[in-house]
């Protein structure tokens, strides 16, 4: 069944769970899908957040010194 003109007939939602991320979405959480190779390295949200914070500090420091 097509819901919009952009939906393709071959989409299969038979194993989908309705509202799976609704509570997180309502709380303002940003959900990001990791590629499989990245997901093997970063097993949980804590290590991903630590890594992103470290990268952000480095990126911000470089911009600050360049100005």
PDB file of N, CA and C in Angstrom:
ATOM      1  N   UNK A   1       0.833  -1.178   0.000  1.00  0.00           N
ATOM      2  CA  UNK A   1       0.000   0.000   0.000  1.00  0.00           C
ATOM      3  C   UNK A   1       0.877   1.240   0.000  1.00  0.00           C
ATOM      4  N   UNK A   2       0.600   2.154  -0.904  1.00  0.00           N
ATOM      5  CA  UNK A   2       1.352   3.391  -0.991  1.00  0.00           C
ATOM      6  C   UNK A   2       0.683   4.470  -0.165  1.00  0.00           C
ATOM      7  N   UNK A   3       1.479   5.169   0.646  1.00  0.00           N
ATOM      8  CA  UNK A   3       0.943   6.271   1.435  1.00  0.00           C
ATOM      9  C   UNK A   3       1.157   7.617   0.756  1.00  0.00           C
ATOM     10  N   UNK A   4       2.236   7.731   0.003  1.00  0.00           N
ATOM     11  CA  UNK A   4       2.525   8.974  -0.706  1.00  0.00           C
ATOM     12  C   UNK A   4       3.021   8.651  -2.099  1.00  0.00           C
ATOM     13  N   UNK A   5       3.127   9.681  -2.904  1.00  0.00           N
ATOM     14  CA  UNK A   5       3.616   9.467  -4.267  1.00  0.00           C
ATOM     15  C   UNK A   5       5.094   9.095  -4.293  1.00  0.00           C
ATOM     16  N   UNK A   6       5.825   9.349  -3.177  1.00  0.00           N
ATOM     17  CA  UNK A   6       7.251   9.050  -3.126  1.00  0.00           C
ATOM     18  C   UNK A   6       7.561   7.613  -2.679  1.00  0.00           C
ATOM     19  N   UNK A   7       6.575   6.923  -2.154  1.00  0.00           N
ATOM     20  CA  UNK A   7       6.786   5.555  -1.681  1.00  0.00           C
ATOM     21  C   UNK A   7       6.858   4.600  -2.858  1.00  0.00           C
ATOM     22  N   UNK A   8       7.800   3.700  -2.784  1.00  0.00           N
ATOM     23  CA  UNK A   8       7.921   2.679  -3.816  1.00  0.00           C
ATOM     24  C   UNK A   8       7.141   1.439  -3.404  1.00  0.00           C
ATOM     25  N   UNK A   9       6.678   0.695  -4.381  1.00  0.00           N
ATOM     26  CA  UNK A   9       5.904  -0.513  -4.101  1.00  0.00           C
ATOM     27  C   UNK A   9       6.733  -1.587  -3.401  1.00  0.00           C
ATOM     28  N   UNK A  10       8.059  -1.572  -3.579  1.00  0.00           N
ATOM     29  CA  UNK A  10       8.883  -2.646  -3.033  1.00  0.00           C
ATOM     30  C   UNK A  10       9.377  -2.395  -1.608  1.00  0.00           C
ATOM     31  N   UNK A  11       8.951  -1.331  -0.938  1.00  0.00           N
ATOM     32  CA  UNK A  11       9.288  -1.129   0.468  1.00  0.00           C
ATOM     33  C   UNK A  11       8.567  -2.190   1.296  1.00  0.00           C
ATOM     34  N   UNK A  12       9.287  -2.793   2.235  1.00  0.00           N
ATOM     35  CA  UNK A  12       8.698  -3.843   3.068  1.00  0.00           C
ATOM     36  C   UNK A  12       8.775  -3.426   4.530  1.00  0.00           C
ATOM     37  N   UNK A  13       7.653  -3.085   5.104  1.00  0.00           N
ATOM     38  CA  UNK A  13       7.590  -2.678   6.501  1.00  0.00           C
ATOM     39  C   UNK A  13       6.986  -3.774   7.384  1.00  0.00           C
ATOM     40  N   UNK A  14       6.917  -4.985   6.873  1.00  0.00           N
ATOM     41  CA  UNK A  14       6.239  -6.061   7.599  1.00  0.00           C
ATOM     42  C   UNK A  14       6.924  -6.396   8.927  1.00  0.00           C
ATOM     43  N   UNK A  15       8.229  -6.146   9.049  1.00  0.00           N
ATOM     44  CA  UNK A  15       8.941  -6.445  10.293  1.00  0.00           C
ATOM     45  C   UNK A  15       9.183  -5.186  11.118  1.00  0.00           C
ATOM     46  N   UNK A  16       8.634  -4.076  10.690  1.00  0.00           N
ATOM     47  CA  UNK A  16       8.799  -2.820  11.420  1.00  0.00           C
ATOM     48  C   UNK A  16       7.964  -2.787  12.687  1.00  0.00           C
ATOM     49  N   UNK A  17       8.412  -2.000  13.652  1.00  0.00           N
ATOM     50  CA  UNK A  17       7.676  -1.843  14.899  1.00  0.00           C
ATOM     51  C   UNK A  17       7.216  -0.397  14.988  1.00  0.00           C
ATOM     52  N   UNK A  18       5.936  -0.193  14.977  1.00  0.00           N
ATOM     53  CA  UNK A  18       5.363   1.147  15.015  1.00  0.00           C
ATOM     54  C   UNK A  18       5.692   1.835  16.336  1.00  0.00           C
ATOM     55  N   UNK A  19       6.198   3.051  16.237  1.00  0.00           N
ATOM     56  CA  UNK A  19       6.488   3.851  17.426  1.00  0.00           C
ATOM     57  C   UNK A  19       7.743   3.446  18.177  1.00  0.00           C
ATOM     58  N   UNK A  20       8.627   2.696  17.562  1.00  0.00           N
ATOM     59  CA  UNK A  20       9.825   2.175  18.229  1.00  0.00           C
ATOM     60  C   UNK A  20      10.659   3.292  18.852  1.00  0.00           C
ATOM     61  N   UNK A  21      10.785   4.421  18.174  1.00  0.00           N
ATOM     62  CA  UNK A  21      11.608   5.523  18.655  1.00  0.00           C
ATOM     63  C   UNK A  21      10.783   6.753  19.027  1.00  0.00           C
ATOM     64  N   UNK A  22       9.488   6.602  19.169  1.00  0.00           N
ATOM     65  CA  UNK A  22       8.610   7.747  19.416  1.00  0.00           C
ATOM     66  C   UNK A  22       8.953   8.474  20.706  1.00  0.00           C
ATOM     67  N   UNK A  23       9.220   7.757  21.788  1.00  0.00           N
ATOM     68  CA  UNK A  23       9.532   8.380  23.074  1.00  0.00           C
ATOM     69  C   UNK A  23      10.838   9.184  22.982  1.00  0.00           C
ATOM     70  N   UNK A  24      11.862   8.620  22.332  1.00  0.00           N
ATOM     71  CA  UNK A  24      13.136   9.319  22.171  1.00  0.00           C
ATOM     72  C   UNK A  24      12.966  10.555  21.282  1.00  0.00           C
ATOM     73  N   UNK A  25      12.191  10.417  20.235  1.00  0.00           N
ATOM     74  CA  UNK A  25      11.952  11.534  19.336  1.00  0.00           C
ATOM     75  C   UNK A  25      11.260  12.672  20.076  1.00  0.00           C
ATOM     76  N   UNK A  26      10.286  12.332  20.875  1.00  0.00           N
ATOM     77  CA  UNK A  26       9.552  13.346  21.633  1.00  0.00           C
ATOM     78  C   UNK A  26      10.454  14.040  22.649  1.00  0.00           C
ATOM     79  N   UNK A  27      11.452  13.329  23.153  1.00  0.00           N
ATOM     80  CA  UNK A  27      12.375  13.889  24.141  1.00  0.00           C
ATOM     81  C   UNK A  27      13.445  14.746  23.478  1.00  0.00           C
ATOM     82  N   UNK A  28      13.503  14.755  22.158  1.00  0.00           N
ATOM     83  CA  UNK A  28      14.469  15.579  21.454  1.00  0.00           C
ATOM     84  C   UNK A  28      15.775  14.870  21.140  1.00  0.00           C
ATOM     85  N   UNK A  29      15.812  13.569  21.273  1.00  0.00           N
ATOM     86  CA  UNK A  29      17.013  12.811  20.969  1.00  0.00           C
ATOM     87  C   UNK A  29      17.210  12.747  19.465  1.00  0.00           C
ATOM     88  N   UNK A  30      18.439  12.949  19.036  1.00  0.00           N
ATOM     89  CA  UNK A  30      18.768  12.799  17.618  1.00  0.00           C
ATOM     90  C   UNK A  30      19.197  11.363  17.381  1.00  0.00           C
ATOM     91  N   UNK A  31      18.480  10.679  16.539  1.00  0.00           N
ATOM     92  CA  UNK A  31      18.819   9.306  16.212  1.00  0.00           C
ATOM     93  C   UNK A  31      19.613   9.295  14.925  1.00  0.00           C
ATOM     94  N   UNK A  32      20.720   8.591  14.951  1.00  0.00           N
ATOM     95  CA  UNK A  32      21.579   8.503  13.783  1.00  0.00           C
ATOM     96  C   UNK A  32      21.885   7.036  13.527  1.00  0.00           C
ATOM     97  N   UNK A  33      21.710   6.604  12.305  1.00  0.00           N
ATOM     98  CA  UNK A  33      22.020   5.225  11.938  1.00  0.00           C
ATOM     99  C   UNK A  33      23.490   5.132  11.552  1.00  0.00           C
ATOM    100  N   UNK A  34      24.207   4.228  12.197  1.00  0.00           N
ATOM    101  CA  UNK A  34      25.619   4.024  11.895  1.00  0.00           C
ATOM    102  C   UNK A  34      25.766   2.975  10.802  1.00  0.00           C
ATOM    103  N   UNK A  35      26.742   3.165   9.964  1.00  0.00           N
ATOM    104  CA  UNK A  35      27.071   2.152   8.973  1.00  0.00           C
ATOM    105  C   UNK A  35      27.602   0.927   9.725  1.00  0.00           C
ATOM    106  N   UNK A  36      27.432  -0.273   9.174  1.00  0.00           N
ATOM    107  CA  UNK A  36      27.839  -1.487   9.885  1.00  0.00           C
ATOM    108  C   UNK A  36      29.305  -1.504  10.329  1.00  0.00           C
ATOM    109  N   UNK A  37      30.216  -0.996   9.504  1.00  0.00           N
ATOM    110  CA  UNK A  37      31.632  -1.013   9.885  1.00  0.00           C
ATOM    111  C   UNK A  37      31.906  -0.089  11.072  1.00  0.00           C
ATOM    112  N   UNK A  38      31.203   1.022  11.144  1.00  0.00           N
ATOM    113  CA  UNK A  38      31.360   1.945  12.260  1.00  0.00           C
ATOM    114  C   UNK A  38      30.720   1.354  13.513  1.00  0.00           C
ATOM    115  N   UNK A  39      29.585   0.713  13.375  1.00  0.00           N
ATOM    116  CA  UNK A  39      28.891   0.111  14.510  1.00  0.00           C
ATOM    117  C   UNK A  39      29.725  -0.996  15.161  1.00  0.00           C
ATOM    118  N   UNK A  40      30.582  -1.645  14.391  1.00  0.00           N
ATOM    119  CA  UNK A  40      31.463  -2.668  14.966  1.00  0.00           C
ATOM    120  C   UNK A  40      32.496  -2.049  15.903  1.00  0.00           C
ATOM    121  N   UNK A  41      32.900  -0.820  15.602  1.00  0.00           N
ATOM    122  CA  UNK A  41      33.920  -0.140  16.402  1.00  0.00           C
ATOM    123  C   UNK A  41      33.296   0.504  17.634  1.00  0.00           C
ATOM    124  N   UNK A  42      32.187   1.201  17.431  1.00  0.00           N
ATOM    125  CA  UNK A  42      31.534   1.944  18.502  1.00  0.00           C
ATOM    126  C   UNK A  42      30.305   1.173  18.957  1.00  0.00           C
ATOM    127  N   UNK A  43      30.440   0.466  20.070  1.00  0.00           N
ATOM    128  CA  UNK A  43      29.407  -0.463  20.515  1.00  0.00           C
ATOM    129  C   UNK A  43      28.225   0.198  21.230  1.00  0.00           C
ATOM    130  N   UNK A  44      28.442   1.401  21.819  1.00  0.00           N
ATOM    131  CA  UNK A  44      27.339   2.015  22.558  1.00  0.00           C
ATOM    132  C   UNK A  44      27.385   3.540  22.444  1.00  0.00           C
ATOM    133  N   UNK A  45      26.319   4.171  22.886  1.00  0.00           N
ATOM    134  CA  UNK A  45      26.182   5.624  22.774  1.00  0.00           C
ATOM    135  C   UNK A  45      27.248   6.365  23.563  1.00  0.00           C
ATOM    136  N   UNK A  46      27.654   5.820  24.696  1.00  0.00           N
ATOM    137  CA  UNK A  46      28.643   6.506  25.536  1.00  0.00           C
ATOM    138  C   UNK A  46      29.956   6.716  24.798  1.00  0.00           C
ATOM    139  N   UNK A  47      30.487   5.688  24.171  1.00  0.00           N
ATOM    140  CA  UNK A  47      31.768   5.814  23.466  1.00  0.00           C
ATOM    141  C   UNK A  47      31.621   6.687  22.219  1.00  0.00           C
ATOM    142  N   UNK A  48      30.490   6.627  21.565  1.00  0.00           N
ATOM    143  CA  UNK A  48      30.256   7.485  20.406  1.00  0.00           C
ATOM    144  C   UNK A  48      30.246   8.948  20.838  1.00  0.00           C
ATOM    145  N   UNK A  49      29.542   9.254  21.920  1.00  0.00           N
ATOM    146  CA  UNK A  49      29.481  10.636  22.407  1.00  0.00           C
ATOM    147  C   UNK A  49      30.847  11.135  22.863  1.00  0.00           C
ATOM    148  N   UNK A  50      31.624  10.292  23.560  1.00  0.00           N
ATOM    149  CA  UNK A  50      32.969  10.688  23.980  1.00  0.00           C
ATOM    150  C   UNK A  50      33.844  11.012  22.771  1.00  0.00           C
ATOM    151  N   UNK A  51      33.769  10.176  21.750  1.00  0.00           N
ATOM    152  CA  UNK A  51      34.561  10.379  20.539  1.00  0.00           C
ATOM    153  C   UNK A  51      34.150  11.664  19.827  1.00  0.00           C
ATOM    154  N   UNK A  52      32.858  11.885  19.677  1.00  0.00           N
ATOM    155  CA  UNK A  52      32.387  13.096  19.002  1.00  0.00           C
ATOM    156  C   UNK A  52      32.768  14.355  19.773  1.00  0.00           C
ATOM    157  N   UNK A  53      32.711  14.309  21.104  1.00  0.00           N
ATOM    158  CA  UNK A  53      33.128  15.467  21.909  1.00  0.00           C
ATOM    159  C   UNK A  53      34.610  15.763  21.710  1.00  0.00           C
ATOM    160  N   UNK A  54      35.434  14.719  21.685  1.00  0.00           N
ATOM    161  CA  UNK A  54      36.872  14.902  21.475  1.00  0.00           C
ATOM    162  C   UNK A  54      37.157  15.495  20.095  1.00  0.00           C
ATOM    163  N   UNK A  55      36.489  14.981  19.083  1.00  0.00           N
ATOM    164  CA  UNK A  55      36.664  15.504  17.718  1.00  0.00           C
ATOM    165  C   UNK A  55      36.201  16.958  17.644  1.00  0.00           C
ATOM    166  N   UNK A  56      35.088  17.263  18.295  1.00  0.00           N
ATOM    167  CA  UNK A  56      34.565  18.633  18.285  1.00  0.00           C
ATOM    168  C   UNK A  56      35.549  19.598  18.949  1.00  0.00           C
ATOM    169  N   UNK A  57      36.174  19.185  20.059  1.00  0.00           N
ATOM    170  CA  UNK A  57      37.168  20.039  20.722  1.00  0.00           C
ATOM    171  C   UNK A  57      38.344  20.325  19.799  1.00  0.00           C
ATOM    172  N   UNK A  58      38.805  19.303  19.109  1.00  0.00           N
ATOM    173  CA  UNK A  58      39.929  19.474  18.180  1.00  0.00           C
ATOM    174  C   UNK A  58      39.524  20.397  17.037  1.00  0.00           C
ATOM    175  N   UNK A  59      38.360  20.177  16.470  1.00  0.00           N
ATOM    176  CA  UNK A  59      37.899  20.999  15.348  1.00  0.00           C
ATOM    177  C   UNK A  59      37.713  22.448  15.781  1.00  0.00           C
ATOM    178  N   UNK A  60      37.143  22.662  16.957  1.00  0.00           N
ATOM    179  CA  UNK A  60      36.927  24.018  17.450  1.00  0.00           C
ATOM    180  C   UNK A  60      38.263  24.701  17.731  1.00  0.00           C
ATOM    181  N   UNK A  61      39.204  23.983  18.316  1.00  0.00           N
ATOM    182  CA  UNK A  61      40.523  24.537  18.619  1.00  0.00           C
ATOM    183  C   UNK A  61      41.228  24.985  17.345  1.00  0.00           C
ATOM    184  N   UNK A  62      41.155  24.173  16.289  1.00  0.00           N
ATOM    185  CA  UNK A  62      41.797  24.528  15.016  1.00  0.00           C
ATOM    186  C   UNK A  62      41.173  25.768  14.426  1.00  0.00           C
ATOM    187  N   UNK A  63      39.838  25.883  14.459  1.00  0.00           N
ATOM    188  CA  UNK A  63      39.161  27.063  13.927  1.00  0.00           C
ATOM    189  C   UNK A  63      39.545  28.306  14.720  1.00  0.00           C
ATOM    190  N   UNK A  64      39.637  28.162  16.046  1.00  0.00           N
ATOM    191  CA  UNK A  64      39.933  29.279  16.925  1.00  0.00           C
ATOM    192  C   UNK A  64      41.339  29.804  16.647  1.00  0.00           C
ATOM    193  N   UNK A  65      42.310  28.897  16.450  1.00  0.00           N
ATOM    194  CA  UNK A  65      43.683  29.300  16.174  1.00  0.00           C
ATOM    195  C   UNK A  65      43.855  29.865  14.775  1.00  0.00           C
ATOM    196  N   UNK A  66      43.040  29.439  13.844  1.00  0.00           N
ATOM    197  CA  UNK A  66      43.126  29.921  12.466  1.00  0.00           C
ATOM    198  C   UNK A  66      42.609  31.335  12.325  1.00  0.00           C
ATOM    199  N   UNK A  67      41.742  31.760  13.234  1.00  0.00           N
ATOM    200  CA  UNK A  67      41.120  33.088  13.132  1.00  0.00           C
ATOM    201  C   UNK A  67      42.003  34.203  13.585  1.00  0.00           C
TER     202      UNK A  67
END
